[in-house]
Amino acid sequence: MNVAEIRNTLKNAAAAQVQQYPQYRGHFEDYVLVRARKNVKSKLGQSFTKDELAIARPVVYENQRTLPSGRVKTYFTIVVWSLTNRCDTHVILDEIQILEDVKLSRDTL
């Protein structure tokens, strides 16, 4: 698999989807190639199917949510572009396989 070629093909497809919106110029420059480990659904419906290739921002976001029990749950997400839904989607990090050797930075939401 030629990772760079596939990544660039996906970046070009994503850029074509949003070319009419100037705020997306250069949006995908640092995105890397990833694969969905399982089917992923979001509020917009099916975002990724198992083994689907996609592009993602190389940043891991730390999220915290308070459960009804009062316990705080910490989980990590990565932003992946969904060609199906035509938008960035936060996906649980364990559900995505990063296919490039990159150092992920960290951020909080």
C-alpha atoms as a PDB file:
ATOM      1  CA  MET A   1       0.000   0.000   0.000  1.00  0.00           C
ATOM      2  CA  ASN A   2       1.393   3.390  -0.988  1.00  0.00           C
ATOM      3  CA  VAL A   3       0.416   5.414   2.082  1.00  0.00           C
ATOM      4  CA  ALA A   4       1.359   8.821   0.655  1.00  0.00           C
ATOM      5  CA  GLU A   5      -0.612   8.234  -2.543  1.00  0.00           C
ATOM      6  CA  ILE A   6      -3.734   7.069  -0.698  1.00  0.00           C
ATOM      7  CA  ARG A   7      -3.472   9.929   1.827  1.00  0.00           C
ATOM      8  CA  ASN A   8      -3.189  12.490  -0.969  1.00  0.00           C
ATOM      9  CA  THR A   9      -6.129  10.963  -2.852  1.00  0.00           C
ATOM     10  CA  LEU A  10      -8.295  11.195   0.283  1.00  0.00           C
ATOM     11  CA  LYS A  11      -7.107  14.748   1.010  1.00  0.00           C
ATOM     12  CA  ASN A  12      -7.993  15.803  -2.546  1.00  0.00           C
ATOM     13  CA  ALA A  13     -11.436  14.174  -2.275  1.00  0.00           C
ATOM     14  CA  ALA A  14     -12.093  15.939   1.044  1.00  0.00           C
ATOM     15  CA  ALA A  15     -10.889  19.291  -0.323  1.00  0.00           C
ATOM     16  CA  ALA A  16     -13.183  18.878  -3.342  1.00  0.00           C
ATOM     17  CA  GLN A  17     -16.145  18.374  -1.001  1.00  0.00           C
ATOM     18  CA  VAL A  18     -15.577  21.743   0.691  1.00  0.00           C
ATOM     19  CA  GLN A  19     -13.935  23.778  -2.065  1.00  0.00           C
ATOM     20  CA  GLN A  20     -16.774  26.342  -2.042  1.00  0.00           C
ATOM     21  CA  TYR A  21     -16.034  27.210   1.605  1.00  0.00           C
ATOM     22  CA  PRO A  22     -12.959  29.458   1.976  1.00  0.00           C
ATOM     23  CA  GLN A  23     -12.511  28.598   5.660  1.00  0.00           C
ATOM     24  CA  TYR A  24     -11.467  25.065   4.622  1.00  0.00           C
ATOM     25  CA  ARG A  25      -8.481  26.188   2.510  1.00  0.00           C
ATOM     26  CA  GLY A  26      -5.447  24.315   3.849  1.00  0.00           C
ATOM     27  CA  HIS A  27      -7.628  22.477   6.392  1.00  0.00           C
ATOM     28  CA  PHE A  28      -6.305  19.014   5.501  1.00  0.00           C
ATOM     29  CA  GLU A  29      -2.584  19.818   5.135  1.00  0.00           C
ATOM     30  CA  ASP A  30      -1.433  18.023   8.300  1.00  0.00           C
ATOM     31  CA  TYR A  31      -3.944  15.139   8.159  1.00  0.00           C
ATOM     32  CA  VAL A  32      -2.589  11.583   8.193  1.00  0.00           C
ATOM     33  CA  LEU A  33      -3.905   8.258   6.900  1.00  0.00           C
ATOM     34  CA  VAL A  34      -5.990   6.169   9.301  1.00  0.00           C
ATOM     35  CA  ARG A  35      -8.246   3.106   9.186  1.00  0.00           C
ATOM     36  CA  ALA A  36     -11.491   2.502  11.061  1.00  0.00           C
ATOM     37  CA  ARG A  37     -11.181  -0.558  13.295  1.00  0.00           C
ATOM     38  CA  LYS A  38     -14.973  -0.956  13.383  1.00  0.00           C
ATOM     39  CA  ASN A  39     -18.168   0.643  12.110  1.00  0.00           C
ATOM     40  CA  VAL A  40     -18.522   4.142  13.564  1.00  0.00           C
ATOM     41  CA  LYS A  41     -21.809   6.006  13.882  1.00  0.00           C
ATOM     42  CA  SER A  42     -22.255   9.659  14.766  1.00  0.00           C
ATOM     43  CA  LYS A  43     -25.230  11.990  15.097  1.00  0.00           C
ATOM     44  CA  LEU A  44     -25.299  12.192  11.294  1.00  0.00           C
ATOM     45  CA  GLY A  45     -25.526   8.414  10.923  1.00  0.00           C
ATOM     46  CA  GLN A  46     -22.907   5.954   9.683  1.00  0.00           C
ATOM     47  CA  SER A  47     -19.602   7.846   9.493  1.00  0.00           C
ATOM     48  CA  PHE A  48     -17.151   5.016   8.813  1.00  0.00           C
ATOM     49  CA  THR A  49     -17.357   1.335   8.002  1.00  0.00           C
ATOM     50  CA  LYS A  50     -14.921  -1.213   9.381  1.00  0.00           C
ATOM     51  CA  ASP A  51     -11.539  -1.082   7.566  1.00  0.00           C
ATOM     52  CA  GLU A  52     -12.452   2.144   5.734  1.00  0.00           C
ATOM     53  CA  LEU A  53      -9.453   4.368   5.047  1.00  0.00           C
ATOM     54  CA  ALA A  54      -9.746   8.026   6.019  1.00  0.00           C
ATOM     55  CA  ILE A  55      -7.666  11.048   6.992  1.00  0.00           C
ATOM     56  CA  ALA A  56      -7.313  12.438  10.505  1.00  0.00           C
ATOM     57  CA  ARG A  57      -5.780  15.390  12.306  1.00  0.00           C
ATOM     58  CA  PRO A  58      -2.728  14.127  14.270  1.00  0.00           C
ATOM     59  CA  VAL A  59      -4.048  15.462  17.587  1.00  0.00           C
ATOM     60  CA  VAL A  60      -5.508  13.444  20.460  1.00  0.00           C
ATOM     61  CA  TYR A  61      -8.201  15.251  22.440  1.00  0.00           C
ATOM     62  CA  GLU A  62      -8.857  14.470  26.086  1.00  0.00           C
ATOM     63  CA  ASN A  63     -12.535  14.579  26.975  1.00  0.00           C
ATOM     64  CA  GLN A  64     -14.224  14.218  30.336  1.00  0.00           C
ATOM     65  CA  ARG A  65     -17.827  13.359  30.982  1.00  0.00           C
ATOM     66  CA  THR A  66     -19.656  13.073  34.270  1.00  0.00           C
ATOM     67  CA  LEU A  67     -21.683   9.890  34.453  1.00  0.00           C
ATOM     68  CA  PRO A  68     -25.088   9.734  36.192  1.00  0.00           C
ATOM     69  CA  SER A  69     -23.309   8.056  39.122  1.00  0.00           C
ATOM     70  CA  GLY A  70     -21.219  11.211  39.544  1.00  0.00           C
ATOM     71  CA  ARG A  71     -18.033   9.466  38.422  1.00  0.00           C
ATOM     72  CA  VAL A  72     -15.959  11.380  35.861  1.00  0.00           C
ATOM     73  CA  LYS A  73     -14.967   9.332  32.836  1.00  0.00           C
ATOM     74  CA  THR A  74     -11.946  10.388  30.762  1.00  0.00           C
ATOM     75  CA  TYR A  75     -11.710   9.295  27.155  1.00  0.00           C
ATOM     76  CA  PHE A  76      -9.588  10.212  24.146  1.00  0.00           C
ATOM     77  CA  THR A  77     -10.728  11.120  20.636  1.00  0.00           C
ATOM     78  CA  ILE A  78      -9.159  11.949  17.296  1.00  0.00           C
ATOM     79  CA  VAL A  79     -10.725  14.118  14.581  1.00  0.00           C
ATOM     80  CA  VAL A  80     -11.336  12.126  11.386  1.00  0.00           C
ATOM     81  CA  TRP A  81     -12.793  13.506   8.131  1.00  0.00           C
ATOM     82  CA  SER A  82     -15.871  11.552   7.066  1.00  0.00           C
ATOM     83  CA  LEU A  83     -16.212  11.514   3.284  1.00  0.00           C
ATOM     84  CA  THR A  84     -19.715  10.102   3.813  1.00  0.00           C
ATOM     85  CA  ASN A  85     -20.940  12.919   6.078  1.00  0.00           C
ATOM     86  CA  ARG A  86     -18.622  15.581   4.646  1.00  0.00           C
ATOM     87  CA  CYS A  87     -17.412  16.769   8.033  1.00  0.00           C
ATOM     88  CA  ASP A  88     -14.824  16.277  10.763  1.00  0.00           C
ATOM     89  CA  THR A  89     -15.949  13.731  13.336  1.00  0.00           C
ATOM     90  CA  HIS A  90     -14.519  13.042  16.786  1.00  0.00           C
ATOM     91  CA  VAL A  91     -13.911   9.291  17.035  1.00  0.00           C
ATOM     92  CA  ILE A  92     -12.782   7.342  20.103  1.00  0.00           C
ATOM     93  CA  LEU A  93      -9.045   6.789  19.646  1.00  0.00           C
ATOM     94  CA  ASP A  94      -9.277   3.010  20.146  1.00  0.00           C
ATOM     95  CA  GLU A  95     -11.635   2.776  17.151  1.00  0.00           C
ATOM     96  CA  ILE A  96      -9.005   4.209  14.761  1.00  0.00           C
ATOM     97  CA  GLN A  97      -5.710   2.727  13.573  1.00  0.00           C
ATOM     98  CA  ILE A  98      -3.113   5.318  12.573  1.00  0.00           C
ATOM     99  CA  LEU A  99      -1.286   4.062   9.489  1.00  0.00           C
ATOM    100  CA  GLU A 100       1.570   6.553   9.475  1.00  0.00           C
ATOM    101  CA  ASP A 101       4.520   6.965  11.796  1.00  0.00           C
ATOM    102  CA  VAL A 102       3.618  10.329  13.332  1.00  0.00           C
ATOM    103  CA  LYS A 103       3.881  11.842  16.771  1.00  0.00           C
ATOM    104  CA  LEU A 104       0.416  12.771  18.001  1.00  0.00           C
ATOM    105  CA  SER A 105       0.068  15.994  19.937  1.00  0.00           C
ATOM    106  CA  ARG A 106      -2.448  16.340  22.771  1.00  0.00           C
ATOM    107  CA  ASP A 107      -5.170  18.875  23.453  1.00  0.00           C
ATOM    108  CA  THR A 108      -8.268  19.180  25.599  1.00  0.00           C
ATOM    109  CA  LEU A 109     -11.809  20.046  24.629  1.00  0.00           C
END
